[in-house]
Amino acid sequence: MSATNEQLVAATAGVQPPAVPADHDQAPIAGPSGGEAIETGSIGRLILRVFIENRLAVVGVTIIVLMFLFCFVGPIFYHTNQTSTNLYDLTLPPSSQHPLGTDSNGLDVLGRLMYAGQTSLEVGLAAAAIATVVGVIWGAVAGFFGGFVDAVMMRVVDVLLSIPALFLLIILAVLFQPNKTSLIFILGFLAWLTPARLVRGETLSLRTREYVQAVRVMGGKSRRMVTRHIIPNAIGTIVVNATFQVADAILALAALGFLGLGVQFPQADWGQMLGQGEAYLAVGDWWLLIPAGICIVLVVVAFNFIGDALRDSLEVRLQQR
């Protein structure tokens, strides 16, 4: 039936005939039904933008950068003797010659802060790296294979977690000569338990995903599935936990140093400075205690700020998947 006949029949029935386009061979092009399109960019740019929008994260990064410059670049411009005692300069108050005074060994406190900061930052970062690597591998293997393997591996984690951390730290520090290398492995040995549990939980969820099952059906090896598919997709949890691991390692080292179980003289860390200066606070020698305490608080809080911001940024990445 032609368009004219359709209009005639519709008019006879008292119905308004439908509008017929002038050229009904061409279908009308429908426009977008949504709002204005927004260019979001790559996932990396989105993560970076969310991270930068967090002001506390920017403050945290600034503090960490300044602290690294203070500890590792500062000694180049501010030369002090940090190896031999000076009996003529014991506990001198701050002055133009010693901006933060001297300690009970006659050593410049400002230079000591830089020297001790190198140890604290190096031990914290190295211990966190060891804990993250061991914990990720342990948790991924346990969660991926499951069953008897998972039960045995996680019972080992549960047993170690049931031992008070500080008690175990003291025992290990007494058994092994406390130096920078041994403290890195001692702190790393205790810190891997938490990332192992976190990664194991992520792996239990990821191993049932379609892409992992596809690799299994195609004959892919278990090692490939763990290293190429499980661990990369748990990277958000891993990175966030690693930043907190650095802060925890610095605090643990400070606790050992405060108890006299950290690095030994002439080496130093911020906890050791706290332990040596605590006895002099009652007589008003505040410069032996407060500067080291401020450094510990600033670094730990800064890493926590960064960890919180990374968690928020990576949650955005997960929402875009």
C-alpha atoms as a PDB file:
ATOM      1  CA  MET A   1       0.000   0.000   0.000  1.00  0.00           C
ATOM      2  CA  SER A   2       1.360   3.403  -0.967  1.00  0.00           C
ATOM      3  CA  ALA A   3       1.807   6.366   1.369  1.00  0.00           C
ATOM      4  CA  THR A   4      -1.201   8.158  -0.250  1.00  0.00           C
ATOM      5  CA  ASN A   5      -3.555   5.219   0.347  1.00  0.00           C
ATOM      6  CA  GLU A   6      -2.371   5.002   3.993  1.00  0.00           C
ATOM      7  CA  GLN A   7      -3.257   8.663   4.519  1.00  0.00           C
ATOM      8  CA  LEU A   8      -6.696   8.187   2.887  1.00  0.00           C
ATOM      9  CA  VAL A   9      -7.580   5.209   5.085  1.00  0.00           C
ATOM     10  CA  ALA A  10      -6.380   7.005   8.227  1.00  0.00           C
ATOM     11  CA  ALA A  11      -8.426  10.107   7.405  1.00  0.00           C
ATOM     12  CA  THR A  12     -11.547   7.980   6.856  1.00  0.00           C
ATOM     13  CA  ALA A  13     -11.086   6.341  10.251  1.00  0.00           C
ATOM     14  CA  GLY A  14     -10.664   9.715  11.971  1.00  0.00           C
ATOM     15  CA  VAL A  15      -7.070   9.072  12.898  1.00  0.00           C
ATOM     16  CA  GLN A  16      -4.277  11.552  12.358  1.00  0.00           C
ATOM     17  CA  PRO A  17      -2.064  10.012   9.659  1.00  0.00           C
ATOM     18  CA  PRO A  18       1.579   9.504  10.536  1.00  0.00           C
ATOM     19  CA  ALA A  19       4.033  11.985   9.152  1.00  0.00           C
ATOM     20  CA  VAL A  20       5.816  10.615   6.139  1.00  0.00           C
ATOM     21  CA  PRO A  21       9.352  11.859   5.552  1.00  0.00           C
ATOM     22  CA  ALA A  22      10.052  13.503   2.266  1.00  0.00           C
ATOM     23  CA  ASP A  23      12.620  10.881   1.425  1.00  0.00           C
ATOM     24  CA  HIS A  24      11.709   7.711   3.305  1.00  0.00           C
ATOM     25  CA  ASP A  25      14.537   5.771   1.693  1.00  0.00           C
ATOM     26  CA  GLN A  26      16.976   7.442   4.126  1.00  0.00           C
ATOM     27  CA  ALA A  27      16.503   6.531   7.802  1.00  0.00           C
ATOM     28  CA  PRO A  28      16.933   9.414  10.249  1.00  0.00           C
ATOM     29  CA  ILE A  29      20.213   9.407  12.175  1.00  0.00           C
ATOM     30  CA  ALA A  30      19.655   9.211  15.898  1.00  0.00           C
ATOM     31  CA  GLY A  31      21.752  11.543  17.987  1.00  0.00           C
ATOM     32  CA  PRO A  32      23.413  10.669  21.282  1.00  0.00           C
ATOM     33  CA  SER A  33      20.947  10.115  24.085  1.00  0.00           C
ATOM     34  CA  GLY A  34      23.423  10.853  26.877  1.00  0.00           C
ATOM     35  CA  GLY A  35      25.037  14.057  28.014  1.00  0.00           C
ATOM     36  CA  GLU A  36      28.269  15.612  26.931  1.00  0.00           C
ATOM     37  CA  ALA A  37      31.109  13.193  26.304  1.00  0.00           C
ATOM     38  CA  ILE A  38      34.071  13.636  28.603  1.00  0.00           C
ATOM     39  CA  GLU A  39      37.576  12.570  27.723  1.00  0.00           C
ATOM     40  CA  THR A  40      38.931  10.646  30.682  1.00  0.00           C
ATOM     41  CA  GLY A  41      42.316   9.699  29.243  1.00  0.00           C
ATOM     42  CA  SER A  42      44.280   6.608  30.121  1.00  0.00           C
ATOM     43  CA  ILE A  43      44.013   4.733  33.389  1.00  0.00           C
ATOM     44  CA  GLY A  44      47.478   5.948  34.375  1.00  0.00           C
ATOM     45  CA  ARG A  45      46.487   9.586  33.944  1.00  0.00           C
ATOM     46  CA  LEU A  46      43.272   9.008  35.862  1.00  0.00           C
ATOM     47  CA  ILE A  47      45.183   7.463  38.777  1.00  0.00           C
ATOM     48  CA  LEU A  48      47.698  10.305  38.758  1.00  0.00           C
ATOM     49  CA  ARG A  49      44.951  12.942  38.688  1.00  0.00           C
ATOM     50  CA  VAL A  50      43.094  11.395  41.622  1.00  0.00           C
ATOM     51  CA  PHE A  51      46.372  11.090  43.529  1.00  0.00           C
ATOM     52  CA  ILE A  52      47.344  14.724  42.937  1.00  0.00           C
ATOM     53  CA  GLU A  53      43.875  15.936  43.928  1.00  0.00           C
ATOM     54  CA  ASN A  54      44.525  14.477  47.383  1.00  0.00           C
ATOM     55  CA  ARG A  55      46.302  17.320  49.173  1.00  0.00           C
ATOM     56  CA  LEU A  56      47.524  15.128  52.000  1.00  0.00           C
ATOM     57  CA  ALA A  57      49.186  12.836  49.460  1.00  0.00           C
ATOM     58  CA  VAL A  58      51.021  15.790  47.930  1.00  0.00           C
ATOM     59  CA  VAL A  59      52.119  16.844  51.416  1.00  0.00           C
ATOM     60  CA  GLY A  60      53.305  13.297  52.101  1.00  0.00           C
ATOM     61  CA  VAL A  61      55.356  13.099  48.901  1.00  0.00           C
ATOM     62  CA  THR A  62      56.870  16.503  49.636  1.00  0.00           C
ATOM     63  CA  ILE A  63      57.873  15.414  53.137  1.00  0.00           C
ATOM     64  CA  ILE A  64      59.482  12.197  51.863  1.00  0.00           C
ATOM     65  CA  VAL A  65      61.421  14.011  49.138  1.00  0.00           C
ATOM     66  CA  LEU A  66      62.645  16.664  51.570  1.00  0.00           C
ATOM     67  CA  MET A  67      63.612  14.003  54.110  1.00  0.00           C
ATOM     68  CA  PHE A  68      65.631  12.079  51.537  1.00  0.00           C
ATOM     69  CA  LEU A  69      67.384  15.293  50.491  1.00  0.00           C
ATOM     70  CA  PHE A  70      68.027  16.138  54.143  1.00  0.00           C
ATOM     71  CA  CYS A  71      69.504  12.716  54.972  1.00  0.00           C
ATOM     72  CA  PHE A  72      71.453  11.885  51.820  1.00  0.00           C
ATOM     73  CA  VAL A  73      72.308  15.278  50.302  1.00  0.00           C
ATOM     74  CA  GLY A  74      72.580  17.288  53.525  1.00  0.00           C
ATOM     75  CA  PRO A  75      75.849  15.679  54.709  1.00  0.00           C
ATOM     76  CA  ILE A  76      77.507  16.835  51.494  1.00  0.00           C
ATOM     77  CA  PHE A  77      77.054  20.455  52.546  1.00  0.00           C
ATOM     78  CA  TYR A  78      77.046  20.061  56.330  1.00  0.00           C
ATOM     79  CA  HIS A  79      80.165  18.137  57.350  1.00  0.00           C
ATOM     80  CA  THR A  80      80.307  16.711  60.887  1.00  0.00           C
ATOM     81  CA  ASN A  81      82.245  14.057  62.750  1.00  0.00           C
ATOM     82  CA  GLN A  82      79.942  11.126  63.537  1.00  0.00           C
ATOM     83  CA  THR A  83      82.483   8.427  64.373  1.00  0.00           C
ATOM     84  CA  SER A  84      84.536   9.590  67.377  1.00  0.00           C
ATOM     85  CA  THR A  85      83.422  11.134  70.666  1.00  0.00           C
ATOM     86  CA  ASN A  86      84.363  14.623  71.806  1.00  0.00           C
ATOM     87  CA  LEU A  87      84.505  14.928  75.603  1.00  0.00           C
ATOM     88  CA  TYR A  88      84.772  18.736  75.457  1.00  0.00           C
ATOM     89  CA  ASP A  89      81.430  19.192  73.679  1.00  0.00           C
ATOM     90  CA  LEU A  90      79.053  17.002  75.690  1.00  0.00           C
ATOM     91  CA  THR A  91      75.342  17.996  75.569  1.00  0.00           C
ATOM     92  CA  LEU A  92      75.979  21.559  74.395  1.00  0.00           C
ATOM     93  CA  PRO A  93      72.777  23.566  73.745  1.00  0.00           C
ATOM     94  CA  PRO A  94      71.921  24.789  70.236  1.00  0.00           C
ATOM     95  CA  SER A  95      74.257  27.513  68.974  1.00  0.00           C
ATOM     96  CA  SER A  96      75.562  28.959  65.745  1.00  0.00           C
ATOM     97  CA  GLN A  97      78.258  26.287  65.630  1.00  0.00           C
ATOM     98  CA  HIS A  98      75.842  23.440  66.460  1.00  0.00           C
ATOM     99  CA  PRO A  99      72.288  24.419  65.312  1.00  0.00           C
ATOM    100  CA  LEU A 100      70.723  21.537  67.272  1.00  0.00           C
ATOM    101  CA  GLY A 101      73.389  21.204  69.958  1.00  0.00           C
ATOM    102  CA  THR A 102      75.440  18.115  70.715  1.00  0.00           C
ATOM    103  CA  ASP A 103      74.593  14.760  72.275  1.00  0.00           C
ATOM    104  CA  SER A 104      76.019  12.786  75.189  1.00  0.00           C
ATOM    105  CA  ASN A 105      78.995  11.733  73.046  1.00  0.00           C
ATOM    106  CA  GLY A 106      79.779  15.274  71.925  1.00  0.00           C
ATOM    107  CA  LEU A 107      78.485  14.648  68.382  1.00  0.00           C
ATOM    108  CA  ASP A 108      76.578  17.277  66.436  1.00  0.00           C
ATOM    109  CA  VAL A 109      72.855  16.452  66.681  1.00  0.00           C
ATOM    110  CA  LEU A 110      71.930  17.901  63.279  1.00  0.00           C
ATOM    111  CA  GLY A 111      74.587  15.818  61.561  1.00  0.00           C
ATOM    112  CA  ARG A 112      73.528  12.835  63.660  1.00  0.00           C
ATOM    113  CA  LEU A 113      69.948  13.233  62.455  1.00  0.00           C
ATOM    114  CA  MET A 114      71.126  13.031  58.844  1.00  0.00           C
ATOM    115  CA  TYR A 115      73.344  10.031  59.520  1.00  0.00           C
ATOM    116  CA  ALA A 116      70.659   8.231  61.531  1.00  0.00           C
ATOM    117  CA  GLY A 117      68.028   9.061  58.909  1.00  0.00           C
ATOM    118  CA  GLN A 118      70.031   7.235  56.261  1.00  0.00           C
ATOM    119  CA  THR A 119      69.929   4.067  58.339  1.00  0.00           C
ATOM    120  CA  SER A 120      66.235   4.398  59.194  1.00  0.00           C
ATOM    121  CA  LEU A 121      65.135   5.033  55.613  1.00  0.00           C
ATOM    122  CA  GLU A 122      67.378   2.371  54.093  1.00  0.00           C
ATOM    123  CA  VAL A 123      66.320  -0.290  56.595  1.00  0.00           C
ATOM    124  CA  GLY A 124      62.645   0.680  56.277  1.00  0.00           C
ATOM    125  CA  LEU A 125      62.602   0.554  52.474  1.00  0.00           C
ATOM    126  CA  ALA A 126      64.700  -2.610  52.185  1.00  0.00           C
ATOM    127  CA  ALA A 127      62.717  -4.484  54.853  1.00  0.00           C
ATOM    128  CA  ALA A 128      59.443  -3.465  53.215  1.00  0.00           C
ATOM    129  CA  ALA A 129      60.709  -4.654  49.831  1.00  0.00           C
ATOM    130  CA  ILE A 130      61.726  -8.058  51.217  1.00  0.00           C
ATOM    131  CA  ALA A 131      58.444  -8.426  53.109  1.00  0.00           C
ATOM    132  CA  THR A 132      56.406  -7.497  50.041  1.00  0.00           C
ATOM    133  CA  VAL A 133      58.207  -9.901  47.691  1.00  0.00           C
ATOM    134  CA  VAL A 134      58.076 -12.843  50.103  1.00  0.00           C
ATOM    135  CA  GLY A 135      54.514 -12.133  51.182  1.00  0.00           C
ATOM    136  CA  VAL A 136      53.226 -11.752  47.627  1.00  0.00           C
ATOM    137  CA  ILE A 137      54.795 -15.012  46.445  1.00  0.00           C
ATOM    138  CA  TRP A 138      53.669 -16.920  49.540  1.00  0.00           C
ATOM    139  CA  GLY A 139      50.101 -15.608  49.453  1.00  0.00           C
ATOM    140  CA  ALA A 140      49.699 -16.030  45.683  1.00  0.00           C
ATOM    141  CA  VAL A 141      50.915 -19.633  45.729  1.00  0.00           C
ATOM    142  CA  ALA A 142      48.747 -20.548  48.725  1.00  0.00           C
ATOM    143  CA  GLY A 143      45.624 -18.941  47.287  1.00  0.00           C
ATOM    144  CA  PHE A 144      46.111 -20.274  43.766  1.00  0.00           C
ATOM    145  CA  PHE A 145      46.640 -23.949  44.614  1.00  0.00           C
ATOM    146  CA  GLY A 146      44.261 -24.025  47.597  1.00  0.00           C
ATOM    147  CA  GLY A 147      43.415 -27.241  49.383  1.00  0.00           C
ATOM    148  CA  PHE A 148      46.164 -28.917  51.372  1.00  0.00           C
ATOM    149  CA  VAL A 149      48.865 -26.522  50.132  1.00  0.00           C
ATOM    150  CA  ASP A 150      46.849 -23.498  51.219  1.00  0.00           C
ATOM    151  CA  ALA A 151      46.034 -25.042  54.609  1.00  0.00           C
ATOM    152  CA  VAL A 152      49.674 -25.825  55.433  1.00  0.00           C
ATOM    153  CA  MET A 153      51.101 -22.507  54.194  1.00  0.00           C
ATOM    154  CA  MET A 154      48.529 -20.355  55.965  1.00  0.00           C
ATOM    155  CA  ARG A 155      48.876 -22.291  59.227  1.00  0.00           C
ATOM    156  CA  VAL A 156      52.538 -21.286  59.182  1.00  0.00           C
ATOM    157  CA  VAL A 157      51.429 -17.672  58.843  1.00  0.00           C
ATOM    158  CA  ASP A 158      48.907 -18.051  61.665  1.00  0.00           C
ATOM    159  CA  VAL A 159      51.515 -19.521  64.013  1.00  0.00           C
ATOM    160  CA  LEU A 160      53.956 -16.672  63.377  1.00  0.00           C
ATOM    161  CA  LEU A 161      51.200 -14.077  63.745  1.00  0.00           C
ATOM    162  CA  SER A 162      50.256 -15.537  67.133  1.00  0.00           C
ATOM    163  CA  ILE A 163      53.687 -14.607  68.521  1.00  0.00           C
ATOM    164  CA  PRO A 164      53.892 -10.991  69.777  1.00  0.00           C
ATOM    165  CA  ALA A 165      55.876  -9.057  67.185  1.00  0.00           C
ATOM    166  CA  LEU A 166      57.957  -7.023  69.632  1.00  0.00           C
ATOM    167  CA  PHE A 167      58.830 -10.140  71.648  1.00  0.00           C
ATOM    168  CA  LEU A 168      59.996 -11.927  68.498  1.00  0.00           C
ATOM    169  CA  LEU A 169      61.911  -8.859  67.370  1.00  0.00           C
ATOM    170  CA  ILE A 170      63.809  -8.712  70.655  1.00  0.00           C
ATOM    171  CA  ILE A 171      64.689 -12.421  70.484  1.00  0.00           C
ATOM    172  CA  LEU A 172      65.966 -12.149  66.916  1.00  0.00           C
ATOM    173  CA  ALA A 173      67.893  -8.966  67.678  1.00  0.00           C
ATOM    174  CA  VAL A 174      69.609 -10.705  70.601  1.00  0.00           C
ATOM    175  CA  LEU A 175      70.407 -13.871  68.640  1.00  0.00           C
ATOM    176  CA  PHE A 176      71.895 -12.022  65.666  1.00  0.00           C
ATOM    177  CA  GLN A 177      74.417  -9.216  65.896  1.00  0.00           C
ATOM    178  CA  PRO A 178      72.407  -6.032  65.300  1.00  0.00           C
ATOM    179  CA  ASN A 179      73.673  -4.220  62.229  1.00  0.00           C
ATOM    180  CA  LYS A 180      72.021  -2.690  59.215  1.00  0.00           C
ATOM    181  CA  THR A 181      71.953  -5.890  57.156  1.00  0.00           C
ATOM    182  CA  SER A 182      70.711  -8.183  59.918  1.00  0.00           C
ATOM    183  CA  LEU A 183      67.994  -5.705  60.927  1.00  0.00           C
ATOM    184  CA  ILE A 184      66.725  -5.558  57.350  1.00  0.00           C
ATOM    185  CA  PHE A 185      66.227  -9.325  57.275  1.00  0.00           C
ATOM    186  CA  ILE A 186      64.831  -9.469  60.812  1.00  0.00           C
ATOM    187  CA  LEU A 187      62.201  -6.818  60.077  1.00  0.00           C
ATOM    188  CA  GLY A 188      61.470  -8.312  56.665  1.00  0.00           C
ATOM    189  CA  PHE A 189      61.035 -11.758  58.246  1.00  0.00           C
ATOM    190  CA  LEU A 190      58.288 -10.431  60.504  1.00  0.00           C
ATOM    191  CA  ALA A 191      56.590  -8.079  58.051  1.00  0.00           C
ATOM    192  CA  TRP A 192      55.808 -10.537  55.221  1.00  0.00           C
ATOM    193  CA  LEU A 193      52.937 -12.139  57.120  1.00  0.00           C
ATOM    194  CA  THR A 194      50.431  -9.336  56.504  1.00  0.00           C
ATOM    195  CA  PRO A 195      50.922  -9.034  52.714  1.00  0.00           C
ATOM    196  CA  ALA A 196      50.781 -12.844  52.485  1.00  0.00           C
ATOM    197  CA  ARG A 197      47.277 -12.887  53.962  1.00  0.00           C
ATOM    198  CA  LEU A 198      46.120  -9.961  51.827  1.00  0.00           C
ATOM    199  CA  VAL A 199      47.428 -11.402  48.560  1.00  0.00           C
ATOM    200  CA  ARG A 200      46.056 -14.829  49.393  1.00  0.00           C
ATOM    201  CA  GLY A 201      42.587 -13.318  49.778  1.00  0.00           C
ATOM    202  CA  GLU A 202      42.918 -11.497  46.446  1.00  0.00           C
ATOM    203  CA  THR A 203      44.134 -14.675  44.758  1.00  0.00           C
ATOM    204  CA  LEU A 204      41.146 -16.698  45.950  1.00  0.00           C
ATOM    205  CA  SER A 205      38.953 -14.220  44.076  1.00  0.00           C
ATOM    206  CA  LEU A 206      41.136 -13.788  41.000  1.00  0.00           C
ATOM    207  CA  ARG A 207      41.728 -17.488  40.291  1.00  0.00           C
ATOM    208  CA  THR A 208      38.048 -17.935  39.373  1.00  0.00           C
ATOM    209  CA  ARG A 209      38.066 -15.139  36.775  1.00  0.00           C
ATOM    210  CA  GLU A 210      37.455 -15.947  33.123  1.00  0.00           C
ATOM    211  CA  TYR A 211      40.911 -14.972  31.881  1.00  0.00           C
ATOM    212  CA  VAL A 212      42.595 -17.289  34.396  1.00  0.00           C
ATOM    213  CA  GLN A 213      40.283 -20.145  33.463  1.00  0.00           C
ATOM    214  CA  ALA A 214      40.996 -19.480  29.781  1.00  0.00           C
ATOM    215  CA  VAL A 215      44.732 -19.804  30.355  1.00  0.00           C
ATOM    216  CA  ARG A 216      44.150 -23.030  32.272  1.00  0.00           C
ATOM    217  CA  VAL A 217      42.046 -24.485  29.437  1.00  0.00           C
ATOM    218  CA  MET A 218      44.720 -23.503  26.904  1.00  0.00           C
ATOM    219  CA  GLY A 219      47.274 -25.502  28.853  1.00  0.00           C
ATOM    220  CA  GLY A 220      49.077 -22.625  30.530  1.00  0.00           C
ATOM    221  CA  LYS A 221      51.440 -23.470  33.363  1.00  0.00           C
ATOM    222  CA  SER A 222      50.609 -22.592  36.933  1.00  0.00           C
ATOM    223  CA  ARG A 223      53.685 -20.387  37.228  1.00  0.00           C
ATOM    224  CA  ARG A 224      52.562 -18.324  34.253  1.00  0.00           C
ATOM    225  CA  MET A 225      49.054 -17.937  35.630  1.00  0.00           C
ATOM    226  CA  VAL A 226      50.398 -16.745  38.982  1.00  0.00           C
ATOM    227  CA  THR A 227      53.083 -14.376  37.672  1.00  0.00           C
ATOM    228  CA  ARG A 228      51.305 -13.014  34.596  1.00  0.00           C
ATOM    229  CA  HIS A 229      47.666 -12.919  35.659  1.00  0.00           C
ATOM    230  CA  ILE A 230      47.194 -13.256  39.419  1.00  0.00           C
ATOM    231  CA  ILE A 231      49.925 -10.983  40.831  1.00  0.00           C
ATOM    232  CA  PRO A 232      49.554  -8.144  38.246  1.00  0.00           C
ATOM    233  CA  ASN A 233      45.823  -7.930  38.931  1.00  0.00           C
ATOM    234  CA  ALA A 234      46.457  -7.733  42.687  1.00  0.00           C
ATOM    235  CA  ILE A 235      48.984  -4.917  42.258  1.00  0.00           C
ATOM    236  CA  GLY A 236      46.680  -2.362  43.874  1.00  0.00           C
ATOM    237  CA  THR A 237      46.583  -4.213  47.176  1.00  0.00           C
ATOM    238  CA  ILE A 238      50.314  -4.916  46.953  1.00  0.00           C
ATOM    239  CA  VAL A 239      51.389  -1.319  46.338  1.00  0.00           C
ATOM    240  CA  VAL A 240      49.173   0.160  49.038  1.00  0.00           C
ATOM    241  CA  ASN A 241      50.346  -2.368  51.605  1.00  0.00           C
ATOM    242  CA  ALA A 242      53.994  -1.777  50.646  1.00  0.00           C
ATOM    243  CA  THR A 243      53.769   1.901  51.629  1.00  0.00           C
ATOM    244  CA  PHE A 244      52.385   0.953  55.025  1.00  0.00           C
ATOM    245  CA  GLN A 245      55.112  -1.671  55.365  1.00  0.00           C
ATOM    246  CA  VAL A 246      57.776   1.050  55.080  1.00  0.00           C
ATOM    247  CA  ALA A 247      56.169   3.049  57.875  1.00  0.00           C
ATOM    248  CA  ASP A 248      55.820  -0.062  60.062  1.00  0.00           C
ATOM    249  CA  ALA A 249      59.458  -1.037  59.486  1.00  0.00           C
ATOM    250  CA  ILE A 250      60.687   2.427  60.479  1.00  0.00           C
ATOM    251  CA  LEU A 251      58.603   2.281  63.646  1.00  0.00           C
ATOM    252  CA  ALA A 252      59.852  -1.221  64.476  1.00  0.00           C
ATOM    253  CA  LEU A 253      63.454  -0.132  63.955  1.00  0.00           C
ATOM    254  CA  ALA A 254      62.836   2.875  66.191  1.00  0.00           C
ATOM    255  CA  ALA A 255      61.452   0.584  68.906  1.00  0.00           C
ATOM    256  CA  LEU A 256      64.508  -1.652  68.738  1.00  0.00           C
ATOM    257  CA  GLY A 257      66.844   1.344  68.754  1.00  0.00           C
ATOM    258  CA  PHE A 258      65.048   2.838  71.744  1.00  0.00           C
ATOM    259  CA  LEU A 259      65.569  -0.422  73.642  1.00  0.00           C
ATOM    260  CA  GLY A 260      69.241  -0.496  72.681  1.00  0.00           C
ATOM    261  CA  LEU A 261      68.830  -3.448  70.291  1.00  0.00           C
ATOM    262  CA  GLY A 262      69.228  -1.499  67.061  1.00  0.00           C
ATOM    263  CA  VAL A 263      72.426  -0.551  65.284  1.00  0.00           C
ATOM    264  CA  GLN A 264      75.383   0.011  67.560  1.00  0.00           C
ATOM    265  CA  PHE A 265      77.679   3.014  67.899  1.00  0.00           C
ATOM    266  CA  PRO A 266      79.134   4.609  65.796  1.00  0.00           C
ATOM    267  CA  GLN A 267      76.143   3.722  63.595  1.00  0.00           C
ATOM    268  CA  ALA A 268      72.873   5.411  64.480  1.00  0.00           C
ATOM    269  CA  ASP A 269      69.156   5.436  63.797  1.00  0.00           C
ATOM    270  CA  TRP A 270      66.397   7.712  65.000  1.00  0.00           C
ATOM    271  CA  GLY A 271      65.218   5.200  67.611  1.00  0.00           C
ATOM    272  CA  GLN A 272      68.702   4.998  69.088  1.00  0.00           C
ATOM    273  CA  MET A 273      68.773   8.786  69.352  1.00  0.00           C
ATOM    274  CA  LEU A 274      65.456   8.675  71.186  1.00  0.00           C
ATOM    275  CA  GLY A 275      66.762   6.091  73.625  1.00  0.00           C
ATOM    276  CA  GLN A 276      69.924   8.070  74.368  1.00  0.00           C
ATOM    277  CA  GLY A 277      68.117  11.377  74.709  1.00  0.00           C
ATOM    278  CA  GLU A 278      65.264  10.146  76.915  1.00  0.00           C
ATOM    279  CA  ALA A 279      67.443  10.238  80.045  1.00  0.00           C
ATOM    280  CA  TYR A 280      68.379  13.887  79.449  1.00  0.00           C
ATOM    281  CA  LEU A 281      64.867  15.232  78.929  1.00  0.00           C
ATOM    282  CA  ALA A 282      64.345  15.613  82.683  1.00  0.00           C
ATOM    283  CA  VAL A 283      67.251  18.087  82.881  1.00  0.00           C
ATOM    284  CA  GLY A 284      65.931  20.148  79.975  1.00  0.00           C
ATOM    285  CA  ASP A 285      68.138  18.862  77.133  1.00  0.00           C
ATOM    286  CA  TRP A 286      65.216  18.716  74.712  1.00  0.00           C
ATOM    287  CA  TRP A 287      67.407  18.764  71.596  1.00  0.00           C
ATOM    288  CA  LEU A 288      68.536  15.206  72.323  1.00  0.00           C
ATOM    289  CA  LEU A 289      65.016  13.797  71.991  1.00  0.00           C
ATOM    290  CA  ILE A 290      62.559  16.029  70.153  1.00  0.00           C
ATOM    291  CA  PRO A 291      64.303  16.366  66.731  1.00  0.00           C
ATOM    292  CA  ALA A 292      64.565  12.587  66.277  1.00  0.00           C
ATOM    293  CA  GLY A 293      60.954  12.133  67.397  1.00  0.00           C
ATOM    294  CA  ILE A 294      59.772  14.746  64.904  1.00  0.00           C
ATOM    295  CA  CYS A 295      61.626  13.005  62.072  1.00  0.00           C
ATOM    296  CA  ILE A 296      60.024   9.649  62.905  1.00  0.00           C
ATOM    297  CA  VAL A 297      56.534  11.143  63.122  1.00  0.00           C
ATOM    298  CA  LEU A 298      56.886  13.094  59.861  1.00  0.00           C
ATOM    299  CA  VAL A 299      58.145  10.135  57.838  1.00  0.00           C
ATOM    300  CA  VAL A 300      55.610   7.645  59.197  1.00  0.00           C
ATOM    301  CA  VAL A 301      52.678  10.029  58.720  1.00  0.00           C
ATOM    302  CA  ALA A 302      53.883  10.908  55.208  1.00  0.00           C
ATOM    303  CA  PHE A 303      53.984   7.258  54.130  1.00  0.00           C
ATOM    304  CA  ASN A 304      50.505   6.742  55.594  1.00  0.00           C
ATOM    305  CA  PHE A 305      49.212   9.737  53.613  1.00  0.00           C
ATOM    306  CA  ILE A 306      50.719   8.276  50.447  1.00  0.00           C
ATOM    307  CA  GLY A 307      49.229   4.852  51.157  1.00  0.00           C
ATOM    308  CA  ASP A 308      45.740   6.264  51.691  1.00  0.00           C
ATOM    309  CA  ALA A 309      45.950   8.253  48.451  1.00  0.00           C
ATOM    310  CA  LEU A 310      47.197   5.255  46.484  1.00  0.00           C
ATOM    311  CA  ARG A 311      44.300   3.199  47.796  1.00  0.00           C
ATOM    312  CA  ASP A 312      41.798   5.820  46.632  1.00  0.00           C
ATOM    313  CA  SER A 313      43.533   6.158  43.252  1.00  0.00           C
ATOM    314  CA  LEU A 314      43.621   2.427  42.594  1.00  0.00           C
ATOM    315  CA  GLU A 315      39.980   2.072  43.591  1.00  0.00           C
ATOM    316  CA  VAL A 316      39.216   4.454  40.723  1.00  0.00           C
ATOM    317  CA  ARG A 317      41.241   2.204  38.438  1.00  0.00           C
ATOM    318  CA  LEU A 318      39.191  -0.801  39.541  1.00  0.00           C
ATOM    319  CA  GLN A 319      35.953   1.101  38.902  1.00  0.00           C
ATOM    320  CA  GLN A 320      37.054   1.734  35.311  1.00  0.00           C
ATOM    321  CA  ARG A 321      37.732  -1.969  34.615  1.00  0.00           C
END
